[in-house]
N, C-alpha and C. Protein backbone atom coordinates (compact mmCIF):
# COMPACT_ATOMS: atom_id res chain seq x y z
N MET A 1 0.83 -1.09 0.02
CA MET A 1 0.02 -0.08 0.04
C MET A 1 0.86 1.19 0.05
N ALA A 2 0.42 2.21 -0.62
CA ALA A 2 1.13 3.45 -0.67
C ALA A 2 0.12 4.58 -0.71
N HIS A 3 0.68 5.92 -0.53
CA HIS A 3 -0.16 7.06 -0.59
C HIS A 3 -0.12 7.69 -2.01
N PHE A 4 -1.29 8.11 -2.58
CA PHE A 4 -1.51 8.70 -3.82
C PHE A 4 -2.25 10.02 -3.65
N ALA A 5 -1.90 11.04 -4.48
CA ALA A 5 -2.55 12.22 -4.52
C ALA A 5 -3.17 12.33 -5.93
N GLN A 6 -4.50 12.75 -5.91
CA GLN A 6 -5.24 13.04 -7.07
C GLN A 6 -4.98 14.47 -7.46
N VAL A 7 -4.42 14.69 -8.59
CA VAL A 7 -4.01 16.01 -9.08
C VAL A 7 -4.82 16.48 -10.23
N GLU A 8 -5.47 17.56 -10.13
CA GLU A 8 -6.35 18.21 -11.24
C GLU A 8 -5.80 19.55 -11.41
N ASN A 9 -5.45 19.80 -12.69
CA ASN A 9 -4.91 21.22 -13.02
C ASN A 9 -3.80 21.61 -12.06
N GLY A 10 -2.96 20.68 -11.65
CA GLY A 10 -1.81 21.05 -10.83
C GLY A 10 -2.19 21.13 -9.22
N ILE A 11 -3.42 20.96 -8.81
CA ILE A 11 -3.83 21.08 -7.54
C ILE A 11 -4.35 19.72 -7.01
N VAL A 12 -3.75 19.45 -5.75
CA VAL A 12 -4.11 18.14 -5.16
C VAL A 12 -5.59 18.24 -4.61
N MET A 13 -6.31 17.31 -5.06
CA MET A 13 -7.82 17.28 -4.67
C MET A 13 -8.10 16.37 -3.52
N GLN A 14 -7.31 15.19 -3.45
CA GLN A 14 -7.48 14.21 -2.37
C GLN A 14 -6.28 13.41 -2.34
N VAL A 15 -6.12 12.82 -1.07
CA VAL A 15 -4.97 11.81 -0.94
C VAL A 15 -5.56 10.62 -0.35
N ILE A 16 -5.19 9.43 -0.98
CA ILE A 16 -5.67 8.17 -0.47
C ILE A 16 -4.58 7.11 -0.31
N VAL A 17 -4.87 6.05 0.31
CA VAL A 17 -3.89 4.86 0.43
C VAL A 17 -4.40 3.83 -0.37
N ALA A 18 -3.66 3.26 -1.27
CA ALA A 18 -4.16 2.21 -2.16
C ALA A 18 -2.97 1.42 -2.69
N ASP A 19 -3.20 0.22 -3.28
CA ASP A 19 -2.21 -0.52 -3.97
C ASP A 19 -1.95 0.04 -5.30
N LYS A 20 -0.60 0.15 -5.64
CA LYS A 20 -0.22 0.73 -6.93
C LYS A 20 -0.86 0.12 -8.11
N ASP A 21 -1.14 -1.18 -8.03
CA ASP A 21 -1.82 -1.95 -9.09
C ASP A 21 -3.20 -1.34 -9.31
N VAL A 22 -3.89 -0.99 -8.25
CA VAL A 22 -5.32 -0.51 -8.42
C VAL A 22 -5.24 0.85 -9.10
N ILE A 23 -4.31 1.65 -8.59
CA ILE A 23 -4.07 2.99 -9.25
C ILE A 23 -3.85 2.84 -10.65
N ASP A 24 -2.90 2.00 -10.96
CA ASP A 24 -2.44 1.78 -12.42
C ASP A 24 -3.62 1.26 -13.30
N SER A 25 -4.49 0.49 -12.67
CA SER A 25 -5.58 -0.12 -13.47
C SER A 25 -6.62 0.94 -13.90
N GLY A 26 -6.57 2.25 -13.38
CA GLY A 26 -7.55 3.27 -13.56
C GLY A 26 -8.83 3.12 -12.93
N ALA A 27 -8.92 2.31 -11.91
CA ALA A 27 -10.25 2.11 -11.25
C ALA A 27 -10.71 3.38 -10.55
N PHE A 28 -9.71 4.28 -10.17
CA PHE A 28 -10.12 5.49 -9.53
C PHE A 28 -9.88 6.67 -10.51
N GLY A 29 -9.87 6.38 -11.76
CA GLY A 29 -9.65 7.44 -12.70
C GLY A 29 -8.15 7.82 -12.88
N SER A 30 -7.90 8.94 -13.45
CA SER A 30 -6.56 9.30 -13.79
C SER A 30 -6.12 10.49 -12.91
N GLY A 31 -4.80 10.92 -13.09
CA GLY A 31 -4.27 12.03 -12.41
C GLY A 31 -3.59 11.76 -10.98
N TRP A 32 -3.31 10.52 -10.77
CA TRP A 32 -2.86 10.11 -9.45
C TRP A 32 -1.27 10.12 -9.47
N VAL A 33 -0.73 10.74 -8.36
CA VAL A 33 0.74 10.82 -8.31
C VAL A 33 1.11 10.34 -6.90
N GLN A 34 2.06 9.44 -6.80
CA GLN A 34 2.49 8.82 -5.44
C GLN A 34 3.11 9.86 -4.64
N THR A 35 2.90 9.83 -3.40
CA THR A 35 3.42 10.79 -2.38
C THR A 35 4.08 9.98 -1.30
N SER A 36 4.92 10.47 -0.47
CA SER A 36 5.50 9.79 0.68
C SER A 36 5.17 10.47 1.98
N TYR A 37 4.54 9.67 2.89
CA TYR A 37 4.11 10.24 4.15
C TYR A 37 5.27 10.67 5.11
N ASN A 38 6.43 10.12 4.72
CA ASN A 38 7.65 10.42 5.54
C ASN A 38 8.51 11.49 4.95
N THR A 39 8.11 12.23 3.94
CA THR A 39 8.82 13.31 3.38
C THR A 39 8.26 14.70 3.80
N GLN A 40 9.04 15.56 4.14
CA GLN A 40 8.62 16.89 4.60
C GLN A 40 9.69 17.89 4.37
N GLY A 41 9.47 18.92 3.66
CA GLY A 41 10.52 19.94 3.54
C GLY A 41 11.77 19.50 2.91
N GLY A 42 11.59 18.52 1.95
CA GLY A 42 12.70 17.87 1.27
C GLY A 42 13.64 16.97 2.09
N GLN A 43 13.10 16.58 3.21
CA GLN A 43 13.84 15.68 4.12
C GLN A 43 12.93 14.42 4.48
N HIS A 44 13.61 13.30 4.51
CA HIS A 44 12.90 12.07 4.84
C HIS A 44 12.95 11.95 6.41
N ARG A 45 11.92 11.81 6.97
CA ARG A 45 11.82 11.84 8.52
C ARG A 45 12.63 10.64 9.13
N LEU A 46 12.79 9.58 8.38
CA LEU A 46 13.55 8.37 8.88
C LEU A 46 14.88 8.20 8.33
N GLY A 47 15.42 9.27 7.70
CA GLY A 47 16.74 9.21 7.15
C GLY A 47 16.86 8.55 5.73
N GLY A 48 15.75 8.27 5.12
CA GLY A 48 15.75 7.67 3.80
C GLY A 48 15.76 8.73 2.73
N THR A 49 15.59 8.28 1.50
CA THR A 49 15.54 9.19 0.39
C THR A 49 14.25 10.02 0.34
N PRO A 50 14.27 11.38 0.34
CA PRO A 50 13.06 12.24 0.20
C PRO A 50 12.45 11.94 -1.08
N PHE A 51 11.09 12.02 -1.06
CA PHE A 51 10.26 11.82 -2.29
C PHE A 51 9.38 12.96 -2.58
N ARG A 52 9.57 13.64 -3.71
CA ARG A 52 8.65 14.73 -4.19
C ARG A 52 8.51 15.88 -3.16
N LYS A 53 9.59 16.18 -2.55
CA LYS A 53 9.83 17.34 -1.56
C LYS A 53 8.90 17.34 -0.24
N ASN A 54 7.57 17.06 -0.49
CA ASN A 54 6.66 17.03 0.62
C ASN A 54 5.60 15.96 0.46
N TYR A 55 5.06 15.64 1.55
CA TYR A 55 3.92 14.72 1.60
C TYR A 55 2.68 15.59 1.05
N ALA A 56 2.00 15.13 0.06
CA ALA A 56 0.90 15.97 -0.54
C ALA A 56 -0.29 16.23 0.44
N GLY A 57 -0.84 17.26 0.29
CA GLY A 57 -2.06 17.53 1.15
C GLY A 57 -3.06 18.26 0.14
N ILE A 58 -4.39 18.14 0.53
CA ILE A 58 -5.39 18.91 -0.13
C ILE A 58 -4.99 20.35 -0.31
N GLY A 59 -5.03 20.87 -1.50
CA GLY A 59 -4.83 22.25 -1.81
C GLY A 59 -3.24 22.50 -2.14
N TYR A 60 -2.52 21.49 -1.98
CA TYR A 60 -1.05 21.62 -2.37
C TYR A 60 -1.05 21.65 -3.99
N THR A 61 0.11 22.25 -4.41
CA THR A 61 0.30 22.25 -5.91
C THR A 61 1.29 21.16 -6.20
N TYR A 62 1.02 20.53 -7.34
CA TYR A 62 2.06 19.51 -7.90
C TYR A 62 2.80 20.22 -9.00
N ASP A 63 4.13 20.41 -8.91
CA ASP A 63 4.92 20.97 -9.89
C ASP A 63 5.62 19.84 -10.70
N SER A 64 5.14 19.52 -11.86
CA SER A 64 5.59 18.40 -12.55
C SER A 64 7.13 18.69 -13.04
N GLN A 65 7.40 19.96 -13.27
CA GLN A 65 8.82 20.20 -13.74
C GLN A 65 9.81 19.89 -12.54
N ARG A 66 9.43 20.21 -11.37
CA ARG A 66 10.33 19.92 -10.22
C ARG A 66 10.05 18.54 -9.62
N ASP A 67 8.81 17.91 -9.97
CA ASP A 67 8.42 16.65 -9.47
C ASP A 67 8.33 16.78 -7.96
N ALA A 68 7.58 17.83 -7.52
CA ALA A 68 7.50 18.11 -6.11
C ALA A 68 6.09 18.58 -5.72
N PHE A 69 5.63 18.33 -4.56
CA PHE A 69 4.44 18.86 -3.98
C PHE A 69 4.83 20.11 -3.20
N ILE A 70 4.09 21.17 -3.45
CA ILE A 70 4.35 22.54 -2.81
C ILE A 70 3.19 22.90 -2.05
N PRO A 71 3.41 23.16 -0.76
CA PRO A 71 2.24 23.63 0.05
C PRO A 71 1.65 25.06 -0.28
N PRO A 72 0.40 25.21 -0.02
CA PRO A 72 -0.21 26.55 -0.27
C PRO A 72 0.61 27.63 0.50
N GLN A 73 0.64 28.73 0.00
CA GLN A 73 1.20 29.92 0.71
C GLN A 73 0.32 30.60 1.71
């Protein structure tokens, strides 16, 4: 299981926990981007590799050029 953010027009609409196979099947539609619960501010909380700069939240922006979730200002 992993966390996925549904991104519409660059904005995170919801975040869910699902199997990657289910997301890849299109069962929940399109626009899903994986996010890491342990990544915040470009740092991994447990010392691992940070993933997409921040854990996605509703209202965050997904910058595909930077491959990063950006919190609202």
